[in-house]
Protein backbone atom coordinates (compact mmCIF):
# COMPACT_ATOMS: atom_id res chain seq x y z
CA UNK A 1 85.23 84.72 58.14
CA UNK A 2 82.21 86.27 59.91
CA UNK A 3 80.94 84.08 62.73
CA UNK A 4 77.92 84.85 64.91
CA UNK A 5 79.84 83.55 67.91
CA UNK A 6 82.47 86.28 67.36
CA UNK A 7 80.13 89.24 66.92
CA UNK A 8 81.07 92.60 68.45
CA UNK A 9 79.33 94.07 71.47
CA UNK A 10 75.84 95.50 70.86
CA UNK A 11 75.63 98.98 69.35
CA UNK A 12 72.75 101.39 69.85
CA UNK A 13 70.88 102.07 66.60
CA UNK A 14 68.04 104.44 65.76
CA UNK A 15 66.41 105.37 62.49
CA UNK A 16 66.30 108.87 60.99
CA UNK A 17 63.07 109.82 62.76
CA UNK A 18 64.09 108.25 66.07
CA UNK A 19 60.97 106.10 66.42
CA UNK A 20 62.76 102.78 65.74
CA UNK A 21 65.60 101.73 68.06
CA UNK A 22 67.64 98.65 68.89
CA UNK A 23 70.77 97.54 70.73
CA UNK A 24 72.34 94.71 68.74
CA UNK A 25 75.71 93.63 67.32
CA UNK A 26 76.46 95.35 64.00
CA UNK A 27 78.41 93.78 61.14
CA UNK A 28 79.86 95.64 58.14
CA UNK A 29 80.60 93.04 55.43
CA UNK A 30 82.86 94.09 52.59
CA UNK A 31 81.75 91.55 49.99
CA UNK A 32 78.91 89.27 48.99
CA UNK A 33 80.96 86.37 50.29
CA UNK A 34 81.18 87.91 53.75
CA UNK A 35 77.42 88.46 53.71
CA UNK A 36 76.99 84.78 52.84
CA UNK A 37 79.23 83.71 55.72
CA UNK A 38 77.19 85.78 58.17
CA UNK A 39 73.86 84.37 56.98
CA UNK A 40 75.07 80.77 57.15
CA UNK A 41 76.50 81.30 60.62
CA UNK A 42 73.33 83.04 61.82
CA UNK A 43 71.13 80.25 60.50
CA UNK A 44 73.21 77.66 62.33
CA UNK A 45 72.93 79.65 65.56
CA UNK A 46 69.19 80.34 65.19
CA UNK A 47 69.77 84.09 64.95
CA UNK A 48 68.03 86.66 62.77
CA UNK A 49 69.88 89.17 60.59
CA UNK A 50 68.38 92.40 59.25
CA UNK A 51 70.15 94.39 56.53
CA UNK A 52 69.86 98.16 56.85
CA UNK A 53 70.65 101.06 54.58
CA UNK A 54 70.52 104.64 55.82
CA UNK A 55 67.70 103.97 58.28
CA UNK A 56 65.31 106.43 56.65
CA UNK A 57 62.25 104.17 56.95
CA UNK A 58 59.69 105.10 59.57
CA UNK A 59 58.26 101.59 59.79
CA UNK A 60 60.11 98.77 61.55
CA UNK A 61 60.98 97.07 58.25
CA UNK A 62 64.72 97.40 58.99
CA UNK A 63 64.65 97.07 62.77
CA UNK A 64 67.09 94.33 63.86
CA UNK A 65 66.36 91.83 66.58
CA UNK A 66 69.59 89.80 66.82
CA UNK A 67 72.16 91.10 64.31
CA UNK A 68 72.27 94.16 62.10
CA UNK A 69 73.97 94.01 58.69
CA UNK A 70 75.11 97.43 57.47
CA UNK A 71 76.12 97.65 53.80
CA UNK A 72 78.21 100.83 54.02
CA UNK A 73 81.35 98.99 52.87
CA UNK A 74 79.46 97.74 49.82
CA UNK A 75 79.50 101.07 48.00
CA UNK A 76 80.50 102.61 44.69
CA UNK A 77 79.78 102.25 41.00
CA UNK A 78 81.09 99.03 39.49
CA UNK A 79 80.42 99.70 35.81
CA UNK A 80 78.52 101.92 33.38
CA UNK A 81 77.93 100.66 29.85
CA UNK A 82 77.53 102.73 26.69
CA UNK A 83 73.82 101.86 26.82
CA UNK A 84 73.45 103.41 30.29
CA UNK A 85 73.33 100.23 32.34
CA UNK A 86 74.92 101.19 35.65
CA UNK A 87 75.91 98.50 38.14
CA UNK A 88 76.29 99.85 41.65
CA UNK A 89 77.06 98.26 45.00
CA UNK A 90 74.00 98.09 47.20
CA UNK A 91 75.20 100.37 49.99
CA UNK A 92 75.80 103.34 47.67
CA UNK A 93 73.60 106.29 48.56
CA UNK A 94 71.36 107.79 45.92
CA UNK A 95 73.04 111.13 46.57
CA UNK A 96 76.43 109.73 45.61
CA UNK A 97 75.04 107.78 42.67
CA UNK A 98 73.31 110.86 41.24
CA UNK A 99 76.53 112.88 41.35
CA UNK A 100 78.53 110.09 39.74
CA UNK A 101 75.97 109.64 36.99
CA UNK A 102 75.85 113.37 36.30
CA UNK A 103 79.62 113.43 35.81
CA UNK A 104 79.27 110.61 33.30
CA UNK A 105 76.39 112.23 31.42
CA UNK A 106 73.56 110.07 32.76
CA UNK A 107 70.45 110.51 34.93
CA UNK A 108 68.03 108.20 36.68
CA UNK A 109 64.58 108.42 35.12
CA UNK A 110 62.74 109.24 38.32
CA UNK A 111 63.63 109.87 41.95
CA UNK A 112 61.95 110.42 45.26
CA UNK A 113 62.36 113.70 47.13
CA UNK A 114 65.02 112.30 49.49
CA UNK A 115 68.40 111.02 48.27
CA UNK A 116 70.16 109.92 51.45
CA UNK A 117 68.87 106.33 51.25
CA UNK A 118 71.06 103.53 49.96
CA UNK A 119 70.15 102.06 46.59
CA UNK A 120 69.21 98.68 48.10
CA UNK A 121 67.22 100.22 50.93
CA UNK A 122 65.29 102.50 48.60
CA UNK A 123 64.42 99.58 46.34
CA UNK A 124 63.45 97.24 49.17
CA UNK A 125 60.77 99.58 50.48
CA UNK A 126 59.37 100.70 47.11
CA UNK A 127 60.72 104.25 46.95
CA UNK A 128 59.05 106.25 44.20
CA UNK A 129 58.96 109.77 42.85
CA UNK A 130 56.17 111.43 40.95
CA UNK A 131 55.04 111.49 37.34
CA UNK A 132 51.92 109.96 35.83
CA UNK A 133 53.96 108.34 33.03
CA UNK A 134 56.84 107.15 35.19
CA UNK A 135 57.28 104.25 37.58
CA UNK A 136 59.15 104.13 40.86
CA UNK A 137 62.85 103.43 41.29
CA UNK A 138 62.36 99.65 41.07
CA UNK A 139 61.09 99.91 37.48
CA UNK A 140 64.59 101.04 36.49
CA UNK A 141 66.21 97.83 37.82
CA UNK A 142 67.62 95.43 35.21
CA UNK A 143 69.56 93.02 37.40
CA UNK A 144 70.38 92.11 41.00
CA UNK A 145 73.21 90.38 42.82
CA UNK A 146 71.63 88.85 45.90
CA UNK A 147 72.83 86.61 48.71
CA UNK A 148 70.14 84.09 49.60
CA UNK A 149 69.55 83.03 53.22
CA UNK A 150 71.28 79.72 52.37
CA UNK A 151 74.49 81.63 51.62
CA UNK A 152 74.25 81.15 47.86
CA UNK A 153 75.27 84.24 45.88
CA UNK A 154 73.14 84.55 42.74
CA UNK A 155 72.58 86.99 39.91
CA UNK A 156 69.07 87.43 38.64
CA UNK A 157 67.32 89.39 35.92
CA UNK A 158 64.40 88.96 33.55
CA UNK A 159 66.04 85.80 32.11
CA UNK A 160 68.08 84.34 34.96
CA UNK A 161 65.86 83.37 37.92
CA UNK A 162 63.04 85.64 36.72
CA UNK A 163 60.71 84.77 39.62
CA UNK A 164 63.28 85.98 42.13
CA UNK A 165 64.06 89.06 40.06
CA UNK A 166 60.40 89.99 39.75
CA UNK A 167 59.82 89.88 43.50
CA UNK A 168 63.19 91.11 44.82
CA UNK A 169 62.98 94.48 43.08
CA UNK A 170 60.67 95.43 45.98
CA UNK A 171 61.52 92.61 48.35
CA UNK A 172 61.48 94.22 51.84
CA UNK A 173 64.84 92.54 52.47
CA UNK A 174 62.90 89.31 53.03
CA UNK A 175 64.20 87.23 50.09
CA UNK A 176 67.91 87.78 50.44
CA UNK A 177 70.53 90.48 50.95
CA UNK A 178 70.96 92.54 47.79
CA UNK A 179 74.66 93.34 47.31
CA UNK A 180 74.62 94.96 43.85
CA UNK A 181 72.03 96.46 41.52
CA UNK A 182 72.04 97.16 37.79
CA UNK A 183 69.87 100.13 36.85
CA UNK A 184 68.89 101.51 33.47
CA UNK A 185 69.93 105.15 33.35
CA UNK A 186 69.15 107.55 30.53
CA UNK A 187 71.06 110.43 28.93
CA UNK A 188 71.32 113.29 31.38
CA UNK A 189 68.37 115.66 31.40
CA UNK A 190 67.33 118.74 33.32
CA UNK A 191 64.03 119.76 34.82
CA UNK A 192 62.33 123.10 34.41
CA UNK A 193 60.62 123.65 37.73
CA UNK A 194 57.59 125.90 38.03
CA UNK A 195 56.45 126.26 41.62
CA UNK A 196 53.70 128.37 43.05
CA UNK A 197 50.42 128.60 44.95
CA UNK A 198 47.24 126.70 44.20
CA UNK A 199 44.15 125.48 46.02
CA UNK A 200 43.01 122.06 47.12
CA UNK A 201 39.58 122.80 45.67
CA UNK A 202 41.06 123.23 42.20
CA UNK A 203 43.33 120.20 42.62
CA UNK A 204 40.42 117.94 43.58
CA UNK A 205 38.16 119.22 40.81
CA UNK A 206 40.78 118.87 38.08
CA UNK A 207 43.02 116.21 39.57
CA UNK A 208 43.79 114.18 36.46
CA UNK A 209 44.38 117.25 34.31
CA UNK A 210 46.68 118.75 36.93
CA UNK A 211 48.73 115.62 37.58
CA UNK A 212 49.29 115.00 33.84
CA UNK A 213 49.88 118.66 32.91
CA UNK A 214 53.67 118.25 32.95
CA UNK A 215 56.09 115.33 33.31
CA UNK A 216 56.42 115.32 37.11
CA UNK A 217 53.75 117.01 39.23
CA UNK A 218 53.25 117.06 42.98
CA UNK A 219 51.50 119.33 45.41
CA UNK A 220 51.39 119.99 49.12
CA UNK A 221 48.11 120.80 50.86
CA UNK A 222 48.29 122.81 54.08
CA UNK A 223 45.58 121.55 56.46
CA UNK A 224 43.51 124.30 58.11
CA UNK A 225 43.55 126.08 54.72
CA UNK A 226 42.53 125.56 51.09
CA UNK A 227 46.08 126.42 50.03
CA UNK A 228 48.50 124.18 48.16
CA UNK A 229 52.04 124.54 46.90
CA UNK A 230 52.30 123.20 43.34
CA UNK A 231 55.49 121.77 41.86
CA UNK A 232 55.38 121.13 38.12
CA UNK A 233 58.59 119.83 36.53
CA UNK A 234 59.17 119.46 32.79
CA UNK A 235 62.02 117.42 31.30
CA UNK A 236 64.35 119.58 29.17
CA UNK A 237 67.91 119.26 27.74
CA UNK A 238 70.82 120.02 30.05
CA UNK A 239 72.19 122.76 27.79
CA UNK A 240 69.70 125.32 29.08
CA UNK A 241 70.37 125.30 32.83
CA UNK A 242 69.13 128.31 34.80
CA UNK A 243 69.53 127.30 38.45
CA UNK A 244 68.26 129.37 41.34
CA UNK A 245 70.61 132.13 42.48
CA UNK A 246 72.48 131.04 45.56
CA UNK A 247 70.73 133.60 47.77
CA UNK A 248 67.28 132.47 46.62
CA UNK A 249 68.05 128.79 47.16
CA UNK A 250 69.32 129.50 50.68
CA UNK A 251 66.36 131.75 51.48
CA UNK A 252 63.68 129.39 50.17
CA UNK A 253 65.10 125.96 50.95
CA UNK A 254 67.11 126.56 54.08
CA UNK A 255 65.59 129.55 55.86
CA UNK A 256 61.91 129.20 54.93
CA UNK A 257 61.43 125.49 54.18
CA UNK A 258 63.63 124.29 57.04
CA UNK A 259 64.66 126.83 59.68
CA UNK A 260 61.44 128.86 59.73
CA UNK A 261 59.28 125.75 59.37
CA UNK A 262 61.12 124.18 62.31
CA UNK A 263 60.06 127.22 64.34
CA UNK A 264 56.47 126.81 63.18
CA UNK A 265 56.45 123.16 64.21
CA UNK A 266 58.04 123.91 67.59
CA UNK A 267 55.57 126.72 68.30
CA UNK A 268 52.65 124.50 67.31
CA UNK A 269 53.79 121.75 69.67
CA UNK A 270 54.02 124.20 72.57
CA UNK A 271 50.75 125.98 71.80
CA UNK A 272 48.47 123.80 69.59
CA UNK A 273 46.03 126.68 69.08
CA UNK A 274 48.71 128.43 67.01
CA UNK A 275 48.80 125.68 64.38
CA UNK A 276 45.93 126.94 62.17
CA UNK A 277 47.21 130.54 61.85
CA UNK A 278 50.77 129.30 61.44
CA UNK A 279 49.58 126.93 58.69
CA UNK A 280 48.09 129.89 56.86
CA UNK A 281 51.36 131.77 57.30
CA UNK A 282 53.37 128.81 56.00
CA UNK A 283 51.14 128.50 52.96
CA UNK A 284 51.82 132.12 52.03
CA UNK A 285 55.54 132.10 52.80
CA UNK A 286 56.76 130.08 49.81
CA UNK A 287 56.21 132.20 46.74
CA UNK A 288 56.26 131.40 43.02
CA UNK A 289 59.57 130.56 41.39
CA UNK A 290 60.85 129.08 38.13
CA UNK A 291 64.24 127.49 37.60
CA UNK A 292 66.03 124.82 35.59
CA UNK A 293 68.71 122.48 36.90
CA UNK A 294 70.04 118.93 36.65
CA UNK A 295 67.18 116.52 37.27
CA UNK A 296 68.36 115.17 40.61
CA UNK A 297 68.78 118.70 41.99
CA UNK A 298 65.13 119.41 41.24
CA UNK A 299 63.67 116.05 42.27
CA UNK A 300 65.36 116.14 45.68
CA UNK A 301 64.48 118.45 48.58
CA UNK A 302 66.26 119.08 51.87
CA UNK A 303 64.53 117.52 54.88
CA UNK A 304 66.04 118.92 58.08
CA UNK A 305 62.89 118.96 60.22
CA UNK A 306 62.36 115.42 61.44
CA UNK A 307 58.93 113.89 61.23
CA UNK A 308 56.90 110.68 61.15
CA UNK A 309 55.09 109.79 57.95
CA UNK A 310 52.24 107.65 56.69
CA UNK A 311 51.76 107.33 52.93
CA UNK A 312 49.08 105.41 51.11
CA UNK A 313 48.99 104.45 47.44
CA UNK A 314 45.43 104.57 46.07
CA UNK A 315 44.07 103.96 42.56
CA UNK A 316 44.66 107.26 40.79
CA UNK A 317 41.01 107.78 39.92
CA UNK A 318 40.04 107.60 43.60
CA UNK A 319 42.46 110.27 44.82
CA UNK A 320 40.05 113.24 44.48
CA UNK A 321 37.49 111.46 46.67
CA UNK A 322 40.06 110.47 49.29
CA UNK A 323 41.49 114.01 49.44
CA UNK A 324 38.06 115.60 49.70
CA UNK A 325 37.12 113.21 52.50
CA UNK A 326 40.42 113.75 54.30
CA UNK A 327 39.78 117.48 54.23
CA UNK A 328 36.18 117.03 55.43
CA UNK A 329 37.23 114.80 58.32
CA UNK A 330 40.02 117.16 59.28
CA UNK A 331 37.76 120.21 59.29
CA UNK A 332 35.21 118.36 61.43
CA UNK A 333 37.84 117.56 64.06
CA UNK A 334 39.98 119.55 66.43
CA UNK A 335 43.24 118.07 65.11
CA UNK A 336 46.26 120.28 64.66
CA UNK A 337 48.30 119.34 61.57
CA UNK A 338 51.35 121.54 61.14
CA UNK A 339 52.85 119.55 58.26
CA UNK A 340 51.41 119.71 54.74
CA UNK A 341 49.93 116.64 53.03
CA UNK A 342 52.01 115.55 50.03
CA UNK A 343 50.33 114.24 46.85
CA UNK A 344 52.13 112.49 43.97
CA UNK A 345 51.43 109.98 41.19
CA UNK A 346 53.12 107.02 39.49
CA UNK A 347 52.46 104.77 36.53
CA UNK A 348 51.38 101.16 36.96
CA UNK A 349 54.12 98.52 37.06
CA UNK A 350 54.42 94.72 37.15
CA UNK A 351 56.33 94.30 40.43
CA UNK A 352 54.39 92.06 42.87
CA UNK A 353 54.85 94.12 46.05
CA UNK A 354 55.17 97.53 44.45
CA UNK A 355 52.49 99.89 45.71
CA UNK A 356 51.76 100.68 42.04
CA UNK A 357 51.55 97.03 41.01
CA UNK A 358 48.91 96.66 38.31
CA UNK A 359 47.37 100.11 38.61
CA UNK A 360 48.05 103.79 37.96
CA UNK A 361 48.56 105.23 41.41
CA UNK A 362 48.26 108.38 43.47
CA UNK A 363 50.18 108.76 46.72
CA UNK A 364 48.83 110.69 49.69
CA UNK A 365 51.20 111.28 52.60
CA UNK A 366 50.53 112.76 56.03
CA UNK A 367 53.19 113.82 58.52
CA UNK A 368 53.53 114.75 62.18
CA UNK A 369 56.58 115.99 64.09
CA UNK A 370 59.03 113.30 65.21
CA UNK A 371 58.36 112.27 68.77
CA UNK A 372 54.66 113.08 68.63
CA UNK A 373 51.63 110.81 68.49
CA UNK A 374 50.10 110.56 64.99
CA UNK A 375 46.85 109.41 66.62
CA UNK A 376 43.62 110.01 64.77
CA UNK A 377 45.22 111.96 61.89
CA UNK A 378 47.06 108.92 60.56
CA UNK A 379 44.10 106.75 61.48
CA UNK A 380 41.82 108.84 59.28
CA UNK A 381 44.12 108.55 56.27
CA UNK A 382 44.48 104.80 56.77
CA UNK A 383 40.71 104.32 57.01
CA UNK A 384 39.90 106.46 53.96
CA UNK A 385 42.63 104.89 51.87
CA UNK A 386 41.51 101.43 52.96
CA UNK A 387 38.02 102.07 51.65
CA UNK A 388 39.46 102.26 48.10
CA UNK A 389 42.00 99.44 48.45
CA UNK A 390 44.92 101.64 49.47
CA UNK A 391 48.36 100.12 49.91
CA UNK A 392 50.75 101.49 52.55
CA UNK A 393 54.29 102.46 51.67
CA UNK A 394 56.46 99.69 53.13
CA UNK A 395 58.88 102.11 54.72
CA UNK A 396 56.26 104.30 56.35
CA UNK A 397 53.92 103.88 59.27
CA UNK A 398 50.77 101.78 58.94
CA UNK A 399 48.78 99.24 60.93
CA UNK A 400 48.01 96.54 58.36
CA UNK A 401 48.90 92.86 58.55
CA UNK A 402 49.26 89.99 56.09
CA UNK A 403 45.55 89.14 56.15
CA UNK A 404 44.60 92.61 54.89
CA UNK A 405 47.57 93.09 52.56
CA UNK A 406 46.82 89.77 50.85
CA UNK A 407 43.52 91.28 49.71
CA UNK A 408 45.24 94.37 48.28
CA UNK A 409 48.06 92.67 46.33
CA UNK A 410 46.95 90.10 43.73
CA UNK A 411 50.41 88.48 43.73
CA UNK A 412 50.94 88.58 47.49
CA UNK A 413 50.93 84.81 48.00
CA UNK A 414 53.44 84.39 45.18
CA UNK A 415 55.98 86.45 47.11
CA UNK A 416 55.21 84.81 50.46
CA UNK A 417 55.65 81.34 48.95
CA UNK A 418 59.01 82.40 47.49
CA UNK A 419 60.07 83.82 50.88
CA UNK A 420 59.10 80.57 52.60
CA UNK A 421 61.13 78.50 50.13
CA UNK A 422 64.20 80.70 50.30
CA UNK A 423 64.16 81.41 54.03
CA UNK A 424 62.28 78.64 55.86
CA UNK A 425 64.14 79.39 59.10
CA UNK A 426 63.28 83.10 58.99
CA UNK A 427 66.91 84.21 59.13
CA UNK A 428 66.10 87.53 57.46
CA UNK A 429 62.89 88.12 59.37
CA UNK A 430 61.82 90.44 62.14
CA UNK A 431 58.55 91.27 63.86
CA UNK A 432 57.49 93.69 61.12
CA UNK A 433 57.94 91.10 58.37
CA UNK A 434 56.16 88.49 60.50
CA UNK A 435 53.22 90.91 60.64
CA UNK A 436 53.06 92.06 57.01
CA UNK A 437 54.06 88.81 55.27
CA UNK A 438 53.09 86.28 57.92
CA UNK A 439 55.52 84.41 60.19
CA UNK A 440 56.34 81.64 57.70
CA UNK A 441 57.60 78.23 58.74
CA UNK A 442 59.49 79.69 61.71
CA UNK A 443 56.23 80.90 63.22
């Protein structure tokens, strides 16, 4: 039995980017029942517990204050039905899940561009990919096993406890500890990737046409230039694979996109005046290429250069205006932005705290090197996105609180009321949740 009084000595924790840190006892439960024991014991002792996945969030959503609950022992696929319903333990990484599904002839419908997160962590923060007709990862959820703060282990779906299911698909880890997830997979498919240069001018002028031109479209704008890198992916059968030659994949994705870019970032930090010419060099370095591979191998990109990120979800029709204004503000400043701005889309969904809840959405993401001050660059994006009702990605940096977020999510109070009923003592809370959802009864 897991007792708070018998916790191990504190362990030093940091997230992927290194901007969130804590020294707290860490517990690795091996079952939903052990999770329940920990929550009951913590409640009795007046302690707070935060579940954590891979620690890829930049925000403090997963930062523990008293006890950290790591779900790495809750891993692996539990079952896959003939209809493609896959039940997976919450601590399974997306990387592992994708490989297991591929071996079984299945794919997830959509993915983000990072696959090192755990399934539960990715869902909790609203991880999404791109594609005007496709929702984020949470839209693929069909059921959850969740341990409530009271210690009750429940299963929920669209029929059983539908209110909990609706909210917990993107629940910030505030409603309970998810221990298993059932996802709807689909027969395995490949993506034909066409990548090459473009311009921000053309993207802004023909935004809707561009972002709906193929199944999954994204682009990267290089500040200090008009240049973009376009990525247009089309869903195709898996019997026509034509992956990149090994040498080309290593050259493009390891040497140019990671090793050389790391040098660009380092040089820009030492000599900020070099950032604009280096941005122009980076924009020209990645040439056109076409290839076809299993969907997860195309969706996902390597991210070896560590950074901080802010991403805002704006109504899709407002994205051209926001991008044009972001460019105007950037050009009028003396900021040095070495990282490109990433732009993606997603279809509207019905999940209360999803950033795409109730509206077709465009995502605009800015980055700075890890360990640096985002300063006015992030502030500009937050201000411009806020003018059109932008919603921040829960796992990325932002400065909003419950008072502002309530205005941007029509069903915000529905989730807060559910949180207050399920966790009146704030066992699963932390300072970040107190800020973005309100402190609840504990406060």
